[in-house]
C-alpha cells in the first residue's frame, strides 16, 4: 500500500441515514471523500485517525451496483 498525501483537505461526507443512536450504529458511519486524483476514500467516522481505504471510480461503481442489486443485503441485518 502506498502512503498518500494527508487526507485533511478532503471534503468528507456521510449518508443522511447515519448519525444518532437511533440509527442503530452508535452514532458512527462510513464517510466518503474524493481525492484530487479522482479516487474515492472511505473511512470509519468513529475512528477517522485509523486511516482510509481507497477505490477507483470503477471499483466504487461496481460496488454500488452490487448494493443496488441486493448482493449485500445480508450484511445489514
PDB file of N, CA and C in Angstrom:
ATOM      1  N   UNK A   1       0.849  -1.179   0.000  1.00  0.00           N
ATOM      2  CA  UNK A   1       0.000   0.000   0.000  1.00  0.00           C
ATOM      3  C   UNK A   1       0.891   1.237   0.000  1.00  0.00           C
ATOM      4  N   UNK A   2       0.598   2.148  -0.867  1.00  0.00           N
ATOM      5  CA  UNK A   2       1.375   3.375  -0.992  1.00  0.00           C
ATOM      6  C   UNK A   2       0.825   4.438  -0.049  1.00  0.00           C
ATOM      7  N   UNK A   3       1.720   5.099   0.638  1.00  0.00           N
ATOM      8  CA  UNK A   3       1.316   6.191   1.533  1.00  0.00           C
ATOM      9  C   UNK A   3       0.939   7.394   0.686  1.00  0.00           C
ATOM     10  N   UNK A   4      -0.187   8.000   0.987  1.00  0.00           N
ATOM     11  CA  UNK A   4      -0.681   9.137   0.210  1.00  0.00           C
ATOM     12  C   UNK A   4      -0.520  10.440   0.974  1.00  0.00           C
ATOM     13  N   UNK A   5      -0.817  11.513   0.287  1.00  0.00           N
ATOM     14  CA  UNK A   5      -0.800  12.830   0.901  1.00  0.00           C
ATOM     15  C   UNK A   5      -1.792  12.860   2.064  1.00  0.00           C
ATOM     16  N   UNK A   6      -1.618  13.755   3.019  1.00  0.00           N
ATOM     17  CA  UNK A   6      -2.555  13.844   4.138  1.00  0.00           C
ATOM     18  C   UNK A   6      -3.990  14.017   3.637  1.00  0.00           C
ATOM     19  N   UNK A   7      -4.930  13.448   4.372  1.00  0.00           N
ATOM     20  CA  UNK A   7      -6.324  13.472   3.940  1.00  0.00           C
ATOM     21  C   UNK A   7      -7.098  14.695   4.423  1.00  0.00           C
ATOM     22  N   UNK A   8      -6.466  15.588   5.178  1.00  0.00           N
ATOM     23  CA  UNK A   8      -7.164  16.735   5.738  1.00  0.00           C
ATOM     24  C   UNK A   8      -7.919  17.564   4.701  1.00  0.00           C
ATOM     25  N   UNK A   9      -7.388  17.806   3.480  1.00  0.00           N
ATOM     26  CA  UNK A   9      -8.107  18.654   2.539  1.00  0.00           C
ATOM     27  C   UNK A   9      -9.343  18.000   1.926  1.00  0.00           C
ATOM     28  N   UNK A  10      -9.540  16.710   2.163  1.00  0.00           N
ATOM     29  CA  UNK A  10     -10.699  16.028   1.581  1.00  0.00           C
ATOM     30  C   UNK A  10     -11.978  16.496   2.262  1.00  0.00           C
ATOM     31  N   UNK A  11     -13.002  16.731   1.468  1.00  0.00           N
ATOM     32  CA  UNK A  11     -14.322  17.062   1.989  1.00  0.00           C
ATOM     33  C   UNK A  11     -15.046  15.748   2.261  1.00  0.00           C
ATOM     34  N   UNK A  12     -15.106  15.344   3.514  1.00  0.00           N
ATOM     35  CA  UNK A  12     -15.747  14.090   3.894  1.00  0.00           C
ATOM     36  C   UNK A  12     -17.249  14.280   4.000  1.00  0.00           C
ATOM     37  N   UNK A  13     -17.994  13.235   3.642  1.00  0.00           N
ATOM     38  CA  UNK A  13     -19.452  13.282   3.793  1.00  0.00           C
ATOM     39  C   UNK A  13     -19.957  11.891   4.138  1.00  0.00           C
ATOM     40  N   UNK A  14     -21.157  11.849   4.732  1.00  0.00           N
ATOM     41  CA  UNK A  14     -21.762  10.571   5.089  1.00  0.00           C
ATOM     42  C   UNK A  14     -23.244  10.606   4.765  1.00  0.00           C
ATOM     43  N   UNK A  15     -23.834   9.454   4.746  1.00  0.00           N
ATOM     44  CA  UNK A  15     -25.244   9.318   4.417  1.00  0.00           C
ATOM     45  C   UNK A  15     -26.124  10.018   5.441  1.00  0.00           C
ATOM     46  N   UNK A  16     -27.255  10.494   4.995  1.00  0.00           N
ATOM     47  CA  UNK A  16     -28.232  11.079   5.916  1.00  0.00           C
ATOM     48  C   UNK A  16     -28.845  10.010   6.821  1.00  0.00           C
ATOM     49  N   UNK A  17     -28.609   8.733   6.521  1.00  0.00           N
ATOM     50  CA  UNK A  17     -29.105   7.641   7.349  1.00  0.00           C
ATOM     51  C   UNK A  17     -28.178   7.359   8.525  1.00  0.00           C
ATOM     52  N   UNK A  18     -27.022   8.011   8.576  1.00  0.00           N
ATOM     53  CA  UNK A  18     -26.071   7.849   9.673  1.00  0.00           C
ATOM     54  C   UNK A  18     -26.407   8.827  10.781  1.00  0.00           C
ATOM     55  N   UNK A  19     -25.781   8.623  11.899  1.00  0.00           N
ATOM     56  CA  UNK A  19     -25.930   9.600  12.954  1.00  0.00           C
ATOM     57  C   UNK A  19     -26.369   9.010  14.257  1.00  0.00           C
ATOM     58  N   UNK A  20     -27.124   9.780  15.006  1.00  0.00           N
ATOM     59  CA  UNK A  20     -27.521   9.474  16.370  1.00  0.00           C
ATOM     60  C   UNK A  20     -27.800   8.028  16.697  1.00  0.00           C
ATOM     61  N   UNK A  21     -28.007   7.782  17.969  1.00  0.00           N
ATOM     62  CA  UNK A  21     -28.188   6.424  18.464  1.00  0.00           C
ATOM     63  C   UNK A  21     -29.389   5.732  17.846  1.00  0.00           C
ATOM     64  N   UNK A  22     -30.339   6.481  17.311  1.00  0.00           N
ATOM     65  CA  UNK A  22     -31.499   5.882  16.664  1.00  0.00           C
ATOM     66  C   UNK A  22     -31.149   5.145  15.397  1.00  0.00           C
ATOM     67  N   UNK A  23     -29.974   5.404  14.845  1.00  0.00           N
ATOM     68  CA  UNK A  23     -29.562   4.740  13.613  1.00  0.00           C
ATOM     69  C   UNK A  23     -29.090   3.318  13.877  1.00  0.00           C
ATOM     70  N   UNK A  24     -28.960   2.933  15.146  1.00  0.00           N
ATOM     71  CA  UNK A  24     -28.545   1.585  15.477  1.00  0.00           C
ATOM     72  C   UNK A  24     -27.062   1.334  15.289  1.00  0.00           C
ATOM     73  N   UNK A  25     -26.284   2.405  15.159  1.00  0.00           N
ATOM     74  CA  UNK A  25     -24.855   2.224  14.929  1.00  0.00           C
ATOM     75  C   UNK A  25     -24.008   3.022  15.911  1.00  0.00           C
ATOM     76  N   UNK A  26     -24.607   3.468  17.004  1.00  0.00           N
ATOM     77  CA  UNK A  26     -23.838   4.205  17.999  1.00  0.00           C
ATOM     78  C   UNK A  26     -23.371   5.572  17.533  1.00  0.00           C
ATOM     79  N   UNK A  27     -24.002   6.113  16.497  1.00  0.00           N
ATOM     80  CA  UNK A  27     -23.636   7.429  16.005  1.00  0.00           C
ATOM     81  C   UNK A  27     -22.534   7.416  14.976  1.00  0.00           C
ATOM     82  N   UNK A  28     -22.056   6.254  14.587  1.00  0.00           N
ATOM     83  CA  UNK A  28     -20.980   6.179  13.618  1.00  0.00           C
ATOM     84  C   UNK A  28     -21.469   5.749  12.251  1.00  0.00           C
ATOM     85  N   UNK A  29     -20.610   5.917  11.301  1.00  0.00           N
ATOM     86  CA  UNK A  29     -20.955   5.546   9.937  1.00  0.00           C
ATOM     87  C   UNK A  29     -19.688   5.598   9.088  1.00  0.00           C
ATOM     88  N   UNK A  30     -19.809   5.157   7.887  1.00  0.00           N
ATOM     89  CA  UNK A  30     -18.704   5.304   6.944  1.00  0.00           C
ATOM     90  C   UNK A  30     -18.802   6.682   6.305  1.00  0.00           C
ATOM     91  N   UNK A  31     -17.661   7.315   6.116  1.00  0.00           N
ATOM     92  CA  UNK A  31     -17.590   8.600   5.433  1.00  0.00           C
ATOM     93  C   UNK A  31     -16.858   8.394   4.118  1.00  0.00           C
ATOM     94  N   UNK A  32     -17.246   9.143   3.114  1.00  0.00           N
ATOM     95  CA  UNK A  32     -16.571   9.070   1.819  1.00  0.00           C
ATOM     96  C   UNK A  32     -16.052  10.444   1.435  1.00  0.00           C
ATOM     97  N   UNK A  33     -14.994  10.438   0.644  1.00  0.00           N
ATOM     98  CA  UNK A  33     -14.422  11.675   0.130  1.00  0.00           C
ATOM     99  C   UNK A  33     -13.697  11.394  -1.166  1.00  0.00           C
ATOM    100  N   UNK A  34     -13.625  12.395  -2.017  1.00  0.00           N
ATOM    101  CA  UNK A  34     -12.952  12.251  -3.305  1.00  0.00           C
ATOM    102  C   UNK A  34     -11.557  12.864  -3.204  1.00  0.00           C
ATOM    103  N   UNK A  35     -10.544  12.082  -3.593  1.00  0.00           N
ATOM    104  CA  UNK A  35      -9.167  12.562  -3.601  1.00  0.00           C
ATOM    105  C   UNK A  35      -8.919  13.389  -4.856  1.00  0.00           C
ATOM    106  N   UNK A  36      -7.893  14.233  -4.841  1.00  0.00           N
ATOM    107  CA  UNK A  36      -7.597  15.069  -6.005  1.00  0.00           C
ATOM    108  C   UNK A  36      -7.401  14.281  -7.305  1.00  0.00           C
ATOM    109  N   UNK A  37      -6.927  13.021  -7.190  1.00  0.00           N
ATOM    110  CA  UNK A  37      -6.713  12.219  -8.402  1.00  0.00           C
ATOM    111  C   UNK A  37      -7.965  11.467  -8.851  1.00  0.00           C
ATOM    112  N   UNK A  38      -9.101  11.689  -8.184  1.00  0.00           N
ATOM    113  CA  UNK A  38     -10.358  11.081  -8.576  1.00  0.00           C
ATOM    114  C   UNK A  38     -10.728   9.822  -7.823  1.00  0.00           C
ATOM    115  N   UNK A  39      -9.774   9.230  -7.095  1.00  0.00           N
ATOM    116  CA  UNK A  39     -10.120   8.048  -6.308  1.00  0.00           C
ATOM    117  C   UNK A  39     -11.057   8.424  -5.176  1.00  0.00           C
ATOM    118  N   UNK A  40     -11.737   7.419  -4.652  1.00  0.00           N
ATOM    119  CA  UNK A  40     -12.693   7.627  -3.568  1.00  0.00           C
ATOM    120  C   UNK A  40     -12.130   6.982  -2.309  1.00  0.00           C
ATOM    121  N   UNK A  41     -12.120   7.737  -1.223  1.00  0.00           N
ATOM    122  CA  UNK A  41     -11.632   7.249   0.069  1.00  0.00           C
ATOM    123  C   UNK A  41     -12.838   6.989   0.962  1.00  0.00           C
ATOM    124  N   UNK A  42     -12.748   5.924   1.755  1.00  0.00           N
ATOM    125  CA  UNK A  42     -13.793   5.590   2.720  1.00  0.00           C
ATOM    126  C   UNK A  42     -13.120   5.383   4.067  1.00  0.00           C
ATOM    127  N   UNK A  43     -13.715   5.950   5.124  1.00  0.00           N
ATOM    128  CA  UNK A  43     -13.173   5.774   6.475  1.00  0.00           C
ATOM    129  C   UNK A  43     -14.312   5.629   7.474  1.00  0.00           C
ATOM    130  N   UNK A  44     -13.988   5.150   8.654  1.00  0.00           N
ATOM    131  CA  UNK A  44     -14.938   4.993   9.749  1.00  0.00           C
ATOM    132  C   UNK A  44     -15.047   6.338  10.463  1.00  0.00           C
ATOM    133  N   UNK A  45     -16.250   6.881  10.551  1.00  0.00           N
ATOM    134  CA  UNK A  45     -16.408   8.197  11.174  1.00  0.00           C
ATOM    135  C   UNK A  45     -16.104   8.179  12.662  1.00  0.00           C
ATOM    136  N   UNK A  46     -16.212   7.011  13.308  1.00  0.00           N
ATOM    137  CA  UNK A  46     -15.876   6.921  14.734  1.00  0.00           C
ATOM    138  C   UNK A  46     -14.373   6.885  14.969  1.00  0.00           C
ATOM    139  N   UNK A  47     -13.610   6.490  13.948  1.00  0.00           N
ATOM    140  CA  UNK A  47     -12.157   6.360  14.086  1.00  0.00           C
ATOM    141  C   UNK A  47     -11.449   6.890  12.842  1.00  0.00           C
ATOM    142  N   UNK A  48     -11.618   8.162  12.512  1.00  0.00           N
ATOM    143  CA  UNK A  48     -11.003   8.698  11.294  1.00  0.00           C
ATOM    144  C   UNK A  48      -9.480   8.632  11.312  1.00  0.00           C
ATOM    145  N   UNK A  49      -8.891   8.603  12.497  1.00  0.00           N
ATOM    146  CA  UNK A  49      -7.434   8.535  12.603  1.00  0.00           C
ATOM    147  C   UNK A  49      -6.883   7.171  12.181  1.00  0.00           C
ATOM    148  N   UNK A  50      -7.754   6.182  12.050  1.00  0.00           N
ATOM    149  CA  UNK A  50      -7.325   4.827  11.677  1.00  0.00           C
ATOM    150  C   UNK A  50      -6.979   4.721  10.199  1.00  0.00           C
ATOM    151  N   UNK A  51      -7.284   5.736   9.431  1.00  0.00           N
ATOM    152  CA  UNK A  51      -6.954   5.721   8.014  1.00  0.00           C
ATOM    153  C   UNK A  51      -8.173   5.460   7.148  1.00  0.00           C
ATOM    154  N   UNK A  52      -7.919   5.276   5.881  1.00  0.00           N
ATOM    155  CA  UNK A  52      -8.991   5.109   4.907  1.00  0.00           C
ATOM    156  C   UNK A  52      -8.624   4.010   3.924  1.00  0.00           C
ATOM    157  N   UNK A  53      -9.637   3.545   3.209  1.00  0.00           N
ATOM    158  CA  UNK A  53      -9.462   2.587   2.124  1.00  0.00           C
ATOM    159  C   UNK A  53      -9.769   3.346   0.839  1.00  0.00           C
ATOM    160  N   UNK A  54      -9.010   3.074  -0.224  1.00  0.00           N
ATOM    161  CA  UNK A  54      -9.116   3.846  -1.466  1.00  0.00           C
ATOM    162  C   UNK A  54      -9.614   2.975  -2.608  1.00  0.00           C
ATOM    163  N   UNK A  55     -10.525   3.526  -3.398  1.00  0.00           N
ATOM    164  CA  UNK A  55     -11.109   2.823  -4.537  1.00  0.00           C
ATOM    165  C   UNK A  55     -11.070   3.712  -5.777  1.00  0.00           C
ATOM    166  N   UNK A  56     -10.925   3.082  -6.938  1.00  0.00           N
ATOM    167  CA  UNK A  56     -11.093   3.836  -8.179  1.00  0.00           C
ATOM    168  C   UNK A  56     -12.587   4.074  -8.371  1.00  0.00           C
ATOM    169  N   UNK A  57     -12.924   4.975  -9.259  1.00  0.00           N
ATOM    170  CA  UNK A  57     -14.350   5.213  -9.531  1.00  0.00           C
ATOM    171  C   UNK A  57     -15.010   3.966 -10.107  1.00  0.00           C
ATOM    172  N   UNK A  58     -14.283   3.192 -10.935  1.00  0.00           N
ATOM    173  CA  UNK A  58     -14.847   1.955 -11.500  1.00  0.00           C
ATOM    174  C   UNK A  58     -15.121   0.931 -10.402  1.00  0.00           C
ATOM    175  N   UNK A  59     -14.208   0.815  -9.446  1.00  0.00           N
ATOM    176  CA  UNK A  59     -14.414  -0.110  -8.331  1.00  0.00           C
ATOM    177  C   UNK A  59     -15.621   0.304  -7.501  1.00  0.00           C
ATOM    178  N   UNK A  60     -15.733   1.591  -7.227  1.00  0.00           N
ATOM    179  CA  UNK A  60     -16.866   2.079  -6.439  1.00  0.00           C
ATOM    180  C   UNK A  60     -18.180   1.890  -7.198  1.00  0.00           C
ATOM    181  N   UNK A  61     -18.172   2.146  -8.503  1.00  0.00           N
ATOM    182  CA  UNK A  61     -19.388   1.967  -9.309  1.00  0.00           C
ATOM    183  C   UNK A  61     -19.845   0.510  -9.274  1.00  0.00           C
ATOM    184  N   UNK A  62     -18.896  -0.433  -9.353  1.00  0.00           N
ATOM    185  CA  UNK A  62     -19.243  -1.850  -9.310  1.00  0.00           C
ATOM    186  C   UNK A  62     -19.848  -2.212  -7.954  1.00  0.00           C
ATOM    187  N   UNK A  63     -19.278  -1.676  -6.880  1.00  0.00           N
ATOM    188  CA  UNK A  63     -19.800  -1.960  -5.545  1.00  0.00           C
ATOM    189  C   UNK A  63     -21.208  -1.379  -5.377  1.00  0.00           C
ATOM    190  N   UNK A  64     -21.402  -0.151  -5.825  1.00  0.00           N
ATOM    191  CA  UNK A  64     -22.723   0.477  -5.716  1.00  0.00           C
ATOM    192  C   UNK A  64     -23.754  -0.318  -6.504  1.00  0.00           C
ATOM    193  N   UNK A  65     -23.397  -0.804  -7.683  1.00  0.00           N
ATOM    194  CA  UNK A  65     -24.317  -1.643  -8.463  1.00  0.00           C
ATOM    195  C   UNK A  65     -24.687  -2.895  -7.676  1.00  0.00           C
ATOM    196  N   UNK A  66     -23.717  -3.492  -7.018  1.00  0.00           N
ATOM    197  CA  UNK A  66     -23.992  -4.666  -6.202  1.00  0.00           C
ATOM    198  C   UNK A  66     -24.926  -4.365  -5.047  1.00  0.00           C
ATOM    199  N   UNK A  67     -24.729  -3.205  -4.409  1.00  0.00           N
ATOM    200  CA  UNK A  67     -25.613  -2.796  -3.314  1.00  0.00           C
ATOM    201  C   UNK A  67     -27.037  -2.609  -3.835  1.00  0.00           C
ATOM    202  N   UNK A  68     -27.170  -1.905  -4.937  1.00  0.00           N
ATOM    203  CA  UNK A  68     -28.497  -1.671  -5.514  1.00  0.00           C
ATOM    204  C   UNK A  68     -29.179  -2.965  -5.932  1.00  0.00           C
ATOM    205  N   UNK A  69     -28.383  -3.961  -6.336  1.00  0.00           N
ATOM    206  CA  UNK A  69     -28.931  -5.249  -6.769  1.00  0.00           C
ATOM    207  C   UNK A  69     -29.245  -6.168  -5.586  1.00  0.00           C
ATOM    208  N   UNK A  70     -28.927  -5.720  -4.373  1.00  0.00           N
ATOM    209  CA  UNK A  70     -29.232  -6.510  -3.185  1.00  0.00           C
ATOM    210  C   UNK A  70     -28.183  -7.544  -2.826  1.00  0.00           C
ATOM    211  N   UNK A  71     -27.019  -7.506  -3.461  1.00  0.00           N
ATOM    212  CA  UNK A  71     -25.979  -8.505  -3.220  1.00  0.00           C
ATOM    213  C   UNK A  71     -25.424  -8.491  -1.798  1.00  0.00           C
ATOM    214  N   UNK A  72     -25.607  -7.388  -1.077  1.00  0.00           N
ATOM    215  CA  UNK A  72     -25.051  -7.275   0.265  1.00  0.00           C
ATOM    216  C   UNK A  72     -26.127  -7.081   1.327  1.00  0.00           C
ATOM    217  N   UNK A  73     -27.363  -7.373   0.993  1.00  0.00           N
ATOM    218  CA  UNK A  73     -28.465  -7.178   1.938  1.00  0.00           C
ATOM    219  C   UNK A  73     -28.266  -7.962   3.234  1.00  0.00           C
ATOM    220  N   UNK A  74     -27.608  -9.109   3.180  1.00  0.00           N
ATOM    221  CA  UNK A  74     -27.401  -9.910   4.369  1.00  0.00           C
ATOM    222  C   UNK A  74     -26.471  -9.236   5.376  1.00  0.00           C
ATOM    223  N   UNK A  75     -25.705  -8.244   4.946  1.00  0.00           N
ATOM    224  CA  UNK A  75     -24.769  -7.559   5.841  1.00  0.00           C
ATOM    225  C   UNK A  75     -25.454  -6.523   6.717  1.00  0.00           C
ATOM    226  N   UNK A  76     -26.630  -6.074   6.335  1.00  0.00           N
ATOM    227  CA  UNK A  76     -27.316  -5.027   7.082  1.00  0.00           C
ATOM    228  C   UNK A  76     -28.279  -5.549   8.127  1.00  0.00           C
ATOM    229  N   UNK A  77     -28.313  -6.837   8.318  1.00  0.00           N
ATOM    230  CA  UNK A  77     -29.273  -7.382   9.296  1.00  0.00           C
ATOM    231  C   UNK A  77     -28.590  -7.955  10.497  1.00  0.00           C
TER     232      UNK A  77
END
